[in-house]
Each structure stands twice: as C-alpha cells, then as structure tokens.
Amino acid sequence: MRLSDFRGKVVLLNFWATWCGPCKILTPWLVDLQNQYSPQGLQTIGVALDEDATKVEIAEFADKERVNYPVLIGNERVAKTYGGVPVLPTSFIIGRDGRIVDIILGLKGKGEIEDSIKKALGIHVANTPATSTTEPAQPQK
C-alpha cells in the first residue's frame, strides 16, 4: 500500500501499538470518524509499531476494536519517513494533495481531531470558545 494510492483523499495516518493505553482510547474514535467522514473523502490508515506483538495479536486487537480501516505493520524505517514518531499515538493528517497538514502527538480530544479532519476536508469548522480567534466584546463604559 502506498500513500500515493490515496491522492485526492484526506488521509489520517495513525501510528499506534497494542500495548499503548492512549491508543486504546483513540481507536474507537478513529472508527467513528472514518464512518462519519469517509463519504467526504477521509481514509484512515493505522500503522502498528509493535516490536513484540505478532501479526495475529495485531489482527485480534483490530477485530476486537472493530477497526474499519486498513492496518499495516510498521517499523522504525516507516516512522522515520514521517520525521520520526516521538510518542504513541502519533497521527498525521495528509491533505488531498499528499502534503502533511497537521500532526497530532499523543492523545488529544476527539473534537480537536475532528476539527483537524474537517479543515483538511474543506468542511467549515464553527468557532467555539476553545477555537475562537476573535477577542471577546468589551463592556461599554
């Protein structure tokens, strides 16, 4: 599988491991986001960086979590292709043109991940108090 096979789609490339606690929290969110945004062009791809887990153990984890996207077995060489993976999980959001548009290190909130996906897909993201860039109105004197 090559990333270039997905040109024209937004790719969420998630590096994870079966032993990673935050990865276990993130995986169901990625399943939900893949279900929700695949019609708009999202393709999630998981890359397992387990050194000790077997292919069977990785497949069992994916089955248990009902993963609905491809899961690949990765290694340090693959991780270095993206500049290294300093923590797990690490997710790269890759735009339709094949360029990295966001990097999510560690476990972030589902809403923050979703906002990043929406931006990459060209879906309007409403300003919320957490993401608003405008100054609050000042009381009149």
N, C-alpha and C. Protein backbone atom coordinates (compact mmCIF):
# COMPACT_ATOMS: atom_id res chain seq x y z
N MET A 1 0.86 -1.17 0.00
CA MET A 1 0.00 0.00 0.00
C MET A 1 0.90 1.24 0.00
N ARG A 2 0.55 2.18 -0.86
CA ARG A 2 1.32 3.41 -0.95
C ARG A 2 0.41 4.59 -0.65
N LEU A 3 0.97 5.58 -0.01
CA LEU A 3 0.20 6.78 0.29
C LEU A 3 -0.29 7.43 -1.00
N SER A 4 0.49 7.35 -2.06
CA SER A 4 0.08 7.96 -3.33
C SER A 4 -1.19 7.32 -3.89
N ASP A 5 -1.51 6.10 -3.43
CA ASP A 5 -2.76 5.45 -3.86
C ASP A 5 -3.99 6.23 -3.40
N PHE A 6 -3.81 7.10 -2.42
CA PHE A 6 -4.92 7.83 -1.82
C PHE A 6 -4.94 9.31 -2.20
N ARG A 7 -4.17 9.67 -3.21
CA ARG A 7 -4.17 11.06 -3.66
C ARG A 7 -5.60 11.45 -4.01
N GLY A 8 -5.99 12.63 -3.56
CA GLY A 8 -7.37 13.08 -3.76
C GLY A 8 -8.23 12.86 -2.53
N LYS A 9 -7.73 12.08 -1.59
CA LYS A 9 -8.42 11.85 -0.31
C LYS A 9 -7.63 12.52 0.79
N VAL A 10 -8.28 12.77 1.90
CA VAL A 10 -7.60 13.19 3.12
C VAL A 10 -7.28 11.91 3.87
N VAL A 11 -6.02 11.75 4.25
CA VAL A 11 -5.59 10.55 4.95
C VAL A 11 -5.23 10.89 6.39
N LEU A 12 -5.79 10.13 7.30
CA LEU A 12 -5.38 10.19 8.70
C LEU A 12 -4.50 8.96 8.93
N LEU A 13 -3.20 9.18 9.04
CA LEU A 13 -2.23 8.11 9.20
C LEU A 13 -1.88 8.04 10.68
N ASN A 14 -2.33 6.96 11.33
CA ASN A 14 -2.20 6.83 12.78
C ASN A 14 -1.18 5.75 13.14
N PHE A 15 -0.10 6.16 13.82
CA PHE A 15 0.89 5.23 14.35
C PHE A 15 0.48 4.86 15.77
N TRP A 16 0.43 3.57 16.06
CA TRP A 16 -0.09 3.09 17.35
C TRP A 16 0.58 1.77 17.70
N ALA A 17 0.23 1.25 18.87
CA ALA A 17 0.69 -0.08 19.31
C ALA A 17 -0.37 -0.70 20.21
N THR A 18 -0.40 -2.02 20.24
CA THR A 18 -1.41 -2.72 21.04
C THR A 18 -1.24 -2.47 22.53
N TRP A 19 -0.03 -2.20 22.99
CA TRP A 19 0.25 -2.02 24.41
C TRP A 19 0.01 -0.57 24.87
N CYS A 20 -0.28 0.32 23.94
CA CYS A 20 -0.39 1.76 24.21
C CYS A 20 -1.78 2.10 24.76
N GLY A 21 -1.85 2.52 26.03
CA GLY A 21 -3.13 2.87 26.65
C GLY A 21 -3.88 3.96 25.91
N PRO A 22 -3.23 5.11 25.61
CA PRO A 22 -3.94 6.16 24.87
C PRO A 22 -4.41 5.71 23.48
N CYS A 23 -3.68 4.78 22.86
CA CYS A 23 -4.08 4.25 21.55
C CYS A 23 -5.40 3.50 21.66
N LYS A 24 -5.59 2.82 22.80
CA LYS A 24 -6.82 2.07 23.02
C LYS A 24 -8.02 3.01 23.17
N ILE A 25 -7.79 4.19 23.66
CA ILE A 25 -8.84 5.21 23.76
C ILE A 25 -9.13 5.80 22.39
N LEU A 26 -8.06 6.07 21.63
CA LEU A 26 -8.18 6.74 20.34
C LEU A 26 -8.83 5.86 19.27
N THR A 27 -8.55 4.58 19.27
CA THR A 27 -9.01 3.70 18.19
C THR A 27 -10.52 3.76 17.95
N PRO A 28 -11.36 3.67 18.97
CA PRO A 28 -12.82 3.76 18.69
C PRO A 28 -13.21 5.12 18.10
N TRP A 29 -12.51 6.18 18.48
CA TRP A 29 -12.79 7.49 17.89
C TRP A 29 -12.47 7.48 16.40
N LEU A 30 -11.33 6.86 16.05
CA LEU A 30 -10.95 6.80 14.64
C LEU A 30 -11.95 5.99 13.84
N VAL A 31 -12.47 4.92 14.43
CA VAL A 31 -13.51 4.12 13.77
C VAL A 31 -14.74 5.00 13.50
N ASP A 32 -15.17 5.75 14.52
CA ASP A 32 -16.33 6.64 14.36
C ASP A 32 -16.07 7.71 13.29
N LEU A 33 -14.89 8.33 13.34
CA LEU A 33 -14.58 9.40 12.39
C LEU A 33 -14.48 8.85 10.97
N GLN A 34 -13.94 7.65 10.82
CA GLN A 34 -13.89 7.02 9.49
C GLN A 34 -15.30 6.78 8.97
N ASN A 35 -16.18 6.28 9.82
CA ASN A 35 -17.58 6.08 9.42
C ASN A 35 -18.23 7.40 9.00
N GLN A 36 -18.00 8.43 9.78
CA GLN A 36 -18.67 9.71 9.55
C GLN A 36 -18.13 10.45 8.33
N TYR A 37 -16.81 10.44 8.12
CA TYR A 37 -16.22 11.30 7.10
C TYR A 37 -15.70 10.59 5.86
N SER A 38 -15.80 9.27 5.80
CA SER A 38 -15.34 8.60 4.58
C SER A 38 -16.13 9.04 3.34
N PRO A 39 -17.45 9.31 3.45
CA PRO A 39 -18.16 9.79 2.25
C PRO A 39 -17.63 11.12 1.72
N GLN A 40 -17.03 11.93 2.60
CA GLN A 40 -16.46 13.21 2.18
C GLN A 40 -15.01 13.07 1.72
N GLY A 41 -14.44 11.87 1.84
CA GLY A 41 -13.09 11.66 1.32
C GLY A 41 -12.02 11.34 2.35
N LEU A 42 -12.41 10.99 3.57
CA LEU A 42 -11.41 10.61 4.58
C LEU A 42 -11.04 9.14 4.44
N GLN A 43 -9.76 8.85 4.54
CA GLN A 43 -9.28 7.48 4.62
C GLN A 43 -8.30 7.38 5.79
N THR A 44 -8.68 6.63 6.80
CA THR A 44 -7.81 6.39 7.93
C THR A 44 -6.97 5.16 7.64
N ILE A 45 -5.71 5.22 8.04
CA ILE A 45 -4.80 4.08 7.92
C ILE A 45 -4.05 3.96 9.24
N GLY A 46 -4.08 2.77 9.81
CA GLY A 46 -3.35 2.52 11.04
C GLY A 46 -2.02 1.85 10.72
N VAL A 47 -0.98 2.25 11.46
CA VAL A 47 0.33 1.63 11.32
C VAL A 47 0.76 1.16 12.71
N ALA A 48 0.75 -0.15 12.90
CA ALA A 48 1.12 -0.72 14.19
C ALA A 48 2.64 -0.74 14.32
N LEU A 49 3.14 -0.14 15.39
CA LEU A 49 4.57 -0.11 15.65
C LEU A 49 4.94 -1.03 16.81
N ASP A 50 4.26 -2.14 16.91
CA ASP A 50 4.55 -3.13 17.96
C ASP A 50 5.82 -3.90 17.58
N GLU A 51 6.80 -3.90 18.47
CA GLU A 51 8.00 -4.69 18.20
C GLU A 51 7.81 -6.14 18.61
N ASP A 52 7.00 -6.36 19.64
CA ASP A 52 6.85 -7.70 20.18
C ASP A 52 5.55 -8.40 19.79
N ALA A 53 4.57 -7.66 19.34
CA ALA A 53 3.28 -8.28 19.00
C ALA A 53 3.37 -8.99 17.65
N THR A 54 2.68 -10.09 17.57
CA THR A 54 2.63 -10.83 16.31
C THR A 54 1.55 -10.25 15.41
N LYS A 55 1.57 -10.64 14.15
CA LYS A 55 0.53 -10.20 13.23
C LYS A 55 -0.84 -10.65 13.73
N VAL A 56 -0.90 -11.84 14.31
CA VAL A 56 -2.16 -12.36 14.83
C VAL A 56 -2.66 -11.49 15.98
N GLU A 57 -1.78 -11.09 16.88
CA GLU A 57 -2.18 -10.24 18.01
C GLU A 57 -2.67 -8.87 17.54
N ILE A 58 -1.99 -8.33 16.54
CA ILE A 58 -2.42 -7.04 15.99
C ILE A 58 -3.78 -7.18 15.32
N ALA A 59 -3.98 -8.26 14.58
CA ALA A 59 -5.27 -8.51 13.92
C ALA A 59 -6.37 -8.71 14.95
N GLU A 60 -6.08 -9.42 16.04
CA GLU A 60 -7.08 -9.62 17.10
C GLU A 60 -7.47 -8.30 17.73
N PHE A 61 -6.49 -7.43 17.98
CA PHE A 61 -6.78 -6.11 18.53
C PHE A 61 -7.70 -5.34 17.58
N ALA A 62 -7.36 -5.34 16.28
CA ALA A 62 -8.16 -4.63 15.29
C ALA A 62 -9.58 -5.20 15.21
N ASP A 63 -9.70 -6.51 15.28
CA ASP A 63 -11.03 -7.14 15.26
C ASP A 63 -11.83 -6.77 16.49
N LYS A 64 -11.19 -6.82 17.65
CA LYS A 64 -11.87 -6.50 18.91
C LYS A 64 -12.39 -5.06 18.90
N GLU A 65 -11.59 -4.16 18.33
CA GLU A 65 -11.97 -2.74 18.29
C GLU A 65 -12.85 -2.40 17.08
N ARG A 66 -13.15 -3.42 16.25
CA ARG A 66 -13.98 -3.24 15.04
C ARG A 66 -13.40 -2.19 14.09
N VAL A 67 -12.09 -2.24 13.93
CA VAL A 67 -11.40 -1.29 13.07
C VAL A 67 -11.92 -1.44 11.64
N ASN A 68 -12.30 -0.32 11.05
CA ASN A 68 -12.92 -0.28 9.72
C ASN A 68 -12.01 0.38 8.68
N TYR A 69 -10.73 0.32 8.92
CA TYR A 69 -9.74 0.90 8.02
C TYR A 69 -8.52 -0.02 7.97
N PRO A 70 -7.68 0.10 6.95
CA PRO A 70 -6.52 -0.78 6.85
C PRO A 70 -5.55 -0.58 8.01
N VAL A 71 -4.98 -1.67 8.47
CA VAL A 71 -3.94 -1.64 9.49
C VAL A 71 -2.71 -2.32 8.91
N LEU A 72 -1.62 -1.58 8.92
CA LEU A 72 -0.36 -2.07 8.40
C LEU A 72 0.61 -2.33 9.54
N ILE A 73 1.57 -3.18 9.30
CA ILE A 73 2.64 -3.42 10.27
C ILE A 73 3.78 -2.49 9.89
N GLY A 74 4.16 -1.63 10.82
CA GLY A 74 5.22 -0.67 10.55
C GLY A 74 6.51 -1.02 11.26
N ASN A 75 7.51 -0.19 11.04
CA ASN A 75 8.79 -0.34 11.71
C ASN A 75 9.43 1.04 11.80
N GLU A 76 10.62 1.08 12.36
CA GLU A 76 11.31 2.35 12.57
C GLU A 76 11.57 3.08 11.24
N ARG A 77 11.87 2.33 10.19
CA ARG A 77 12.13 2.94 8.88
C ARG A 77 10.90 3.70 8.37
N VAL A 78 9.73 3.09 8.53
CA VAL A 78 8.48 3.74 8.11
C VAL A 78 8.24 4.99 8.95
N ALA A 79 8.46 4.89 10.25
CA ALA A 79 8.26 6.04 11.13
C ALA A 79 9.20 7.19 10.75
N LYS A 80 10.44 6.88 10.40
CA LYS A 80 11.42 7.91 10.02
C LYS A 80 11.02 8.62 8.73
N THR A 81 10.25 7.95 7.87
CA THR A 81 9.77 8.56 6.63
C THR A 81 8.95 9.80 6.94
N TYR A 82 8.31 9.81 8.10
CA TYR A 82 7.47 10.95 8.51
C TYR A 82 8.17 11.84 9.52
N GLY A 83 9.48 11.73 9.61
CA GLY A 83 10.24 12.56 10.54
C GLY A 83 10.34 11.95 11.92
N GLY A 84 9.97 10.71 12.07
CA GLY A 84 10.02 10.04 13.36
C GLY A 84 8.68 10.11 14.07
N VAL A 85 8.50 9.18 14.98
CA VAL A 85 7.28 9.12 15.78
C VAL A 85 7.73 9.18 17.24
N PRO A 86 7.70 10.40 17.83
CA PRO A 86 8.24 10.56 19.18
C PRO A 86 7.40 9.95 20.29
N VAL A 87 6.09 9.85 20.06
CA VAL A 87 5.17 9.29 21.06
C VAL A 87 4.10 8.49 20.34
N LEU A 88 3.46 7.62 21.07
CA LEU A 88 2.31 6.89 20.55
C LEU A 88 1.09 7.29 21.36
N PRO A 89 -0.02 7.54 20.74
CA PRO A 89 -0.21 7.58 19.30
C PRO A 89 0.33 8.87 18.69
N THR A 90 0.69 8.79 17.43
CA THR A 90 1.01 9.96 16.61
C THR A 90 0.21 9.81 15.33
N SER A 91 -0.49 10.88 14.98
CA SER A 91 -1.32 10.86 13.76
C SER A 91 -0.91 12.01 12.85
N PHE A 92 -0.83 11.70 11.58
CA PHE A 92 -0.55 12.69 10.56
C PHE A 92 -1.81 12.84 9.72
N ILE A 93 -2.23 14.08 9.53
CA ILE A 93 -3.35 14.34 8.63
C ILE A 93 -2.74 14.87 7.34
N ILE A 94 -3.01 14.15 6.28
CA ILE A 94 -2.40 14.42 4.99
C ILE A 94 -3.49 14.89 4.05
N GLY A 95 -3.27 16.06 3.47
CA GLY A 95 -4.26 16.67 2.59
C GLY A 95 -4.42 15.92 1.28
N ARG A 96 -5.41 16.33 0.53
CA ARG A 96 -5.73 15.69 -0.74
C ARG A 96 -4.56 15.75 -1.73
N ASP A 97 -3.67 16.72 -1.53
CA ASP A 97 -2.51 16.87 -2.41
C ASP A 97 -1.30 16.05 -1.96
N GLY A 98 -1.45 15.29 -0.86
CA GLY A 98 -0.36 14.45 -0.38
C GLY A 98 0.57 15.11 0.60
N ARG A 99 0.29 16.34 1.00
CA ARG A 99 1.14 17.06 1.96
C ARG A 99 0.57 16.95 3.36
N ILE A 100 1.46 16.86 4.34
CA ILE A 100 1.05 16.82 5.74
C ILE A 100 0.48 18.18 6.12
N VAL A 101 -0.76 18.19 6.63
CA VAL A 101 -1.40 19.44 7.02
C VAL A 101 -1.51 19.58 8.54
N ASP A 102 -1.37 18.47 9.27
CA ASP A 102 -1.43 18.53 10.73
C ASP A 102 -0.77 17.28 11.30
N ILE A 103 -0.18 17.46 12.47
CA ILE A 103 0.41 16.34 13.21
C ILE A 103 -0.20 16.38 14.61
N ILE A 104 -0.72 15.26 15.04
CA ILE A 104 -1.33 15.17 16.37
C ILE A 104 -0.48 14.21 17.19
N LEU A 105 0.23 14.77 18.17
CA LEU A 105 1.10 13.98 19.04
C LEU A 105 0.36 13.60 20.30
N GLY A 106 0.35 12.33 20.61
CA GLY A 106 -0.32 11.87 21.81
C GLY A 106 -1.83 11.85 21.64
N LEU A 107 -2.51 11.77 22.76
CA LEU A 107 -3.97 11.71 22.75
C LEU A 107 -4.54 13.10 22.93
N LYS A 108 -5.26 13.56 21.95
CA LYS A 108 -5.99 14.83 22.01
C LYS A 108 -7.46 14.51 22.10
N GLY A 109 -8.28 15.50 22.34
CA GLY A 109 -9.71 15.29 22.39
C GLY A 109 -10.27 14.92 21.02
N LYS A 110 -11.33 14.13 21.03
CA LYS A 110 -11.95 13.72 19.77
C LYS A 110 -12.38 14.93 18.94
N GLY A 111 -12.91 15.95 19.60
CA GLY A 111 -13.35 17.15 18.89
C GLY A 111 -12.21 17.87 18.19
N GLU A 112 -11.05 17.91 18.82
CA GLU A 112 -9.88 18.56 18.22
C GLU A 112 -9.43 17.79 16.98
N ILE A 113 -9.44 16.46 17.07
CA ILE A 113 -9.07 15.63 15.93
C ILE A 113 -10.09 15.83 14.81
N GLU A 114 -11.37 15.84 15.17
CA GLU A 114 -12.43 16.03 14.18
C GLU A 114 -12.31 17.38 13.50
N ASP A 115 -12.00 18.43 14.25
CA ASP A 115 -11.83 19.76 13.65
C ASP A 115 -10.70 19.76 12.62
N SER A 116 -9.61 19.08 12.94
CA SER A 116 -8.49 19.00 12.02
C SER A 116 -8.87 18.25 10.75
N ILE A 117 -9.63 17.17 10.90
CA ILE A 117 -10.12 16.42 9.74
C ILE A 117 -11.03 17.29 8.89
N LYS A 118 -11.96 18.00 9.54
CA LYS A 118 -12.89 18.86 8.81
C LYS A 118 -12.14 19.93 8.01
N LYS A 119 -11.14 20.54 8.62
CA LYS A 119 -10.37 21.57 7.91
C LYS A 119 -9.70 20.97 6.69
N ALA A 120 -9.10 19.80 6.85
CA ALA A 120 -8.43 19.15 5.72
C ALA A 120 -9.42 18.78 4.61
N LEU A 121 -10.64 18.42 5.00
CA LEU A 121 -11.67 18.06 4.02
C LEU A 121 -12.35 19.28 3.40
N GLY A 122 -12.09 20.46 3.97
CA GLY A 122 -12.72 21.67 3.47
C GLY A 122 -14.11 21.88 4.02
N ILE A 123 -14.40 21.26 5.16
CA ILE A 123 -15.70 21.42 5.82
C ILE A 123 -15.56 22.55 6.83
N HIS A 124 -16.50 23.50 6.79
CA HIS A 124 -16.45 24.64 7.70
C HIS A 124 -16.43 24.16 9.16
N VAL A 125 -15.51 24.74 9.93
CA VAL A 125 -15.43 24.46 11.36
C VAL A 125 -15.91 25.70 12.08
N ALA A 126 -17.02 25.56 12.81
CA ALA A 126 -17.58 26.70 13.54
C ALA A 126 -16.64 27.09 14.67
N ASN A 127 -16.52 28.40 14.90
CA ASN A 127 -15.72 28.86 16.03
C ASN A 127 -16.43 28.53 17.33
N THR A 128 -15.72 27.88 18.19
CA THR A 128 -16.23 27.58 19.53
C THR A 128 -15.35 28.34 20.49
N PRO A 129 -15.73 28.47 21.76
CA PRO A 129 -14.87 29.18 22.70
C PRO A 129 -13.44 28.64 22.72
N ALA A 130 -13.27 27.35 22.50
CA ALA A 130 -11.93 26.77 22.54
C ALA A 130 -11.14 27.08 21.27
N THR A 131 -11.83 27.34 20.15
CA THR A 131 -11.12 27.56 18.89
C THR A 131 -11.31 28.97 18.34
N SER A 132 -12.06 29.81 19.01
CA SER A 132 -12.33 31.15 18.51
C SER A 132 -11.06 31.98 18.50
N THR A 133 -10.90 32.78 17.44
CA THR A 133 -9.73 33.63 17.34
C THR A 133 -10.09 35.10 17.51
N THR A 134 -11.34 35.40 17.82
CA THR A 134 -11.75 36.79 18.00
C THR A 134 -11.71 37.15 19.47
N GLU A 135 -11.51 38.42 19.70
CA GLU A 135 -11.47 38.91 21.07
C GLU A 135 -12.89 39.04 21.60
N PRO A 136 -13.10 38.78 22.89
CA PRO A 136 -14.44 38.96 23.45
C PRO A 136 -14.84 40.43 23.42
N ALA A 137 -16.14 40.66 23.31
CA ALA A 137 -16.64 42.03 23.31
C ALA A 137 -16.33 42.69 24.65
N GLN A 138 -15.93 43.96 24.57
CA GLN A 138 -15.63 44.71 25.79
C GLN A 138 -16.89 45.44 26.24
N PRO A 139 -17.15 45.46 27.55
CA PRO A 139 -18.34 46.19 28.02
C PRO A 139 -18.20 47.69 27.71
N GLN A 140 -19.32 48.32 27.37
CA GLN A 140 -19.29 49.76 27.09
C GLN A 140 -19.28 50.51 28.41
N LYS A 141 -18.60 51.67 28.38
CA LYS A 141 -18.50 52.49 29.60
C LYS A 141 -19.56 53.54 29.62
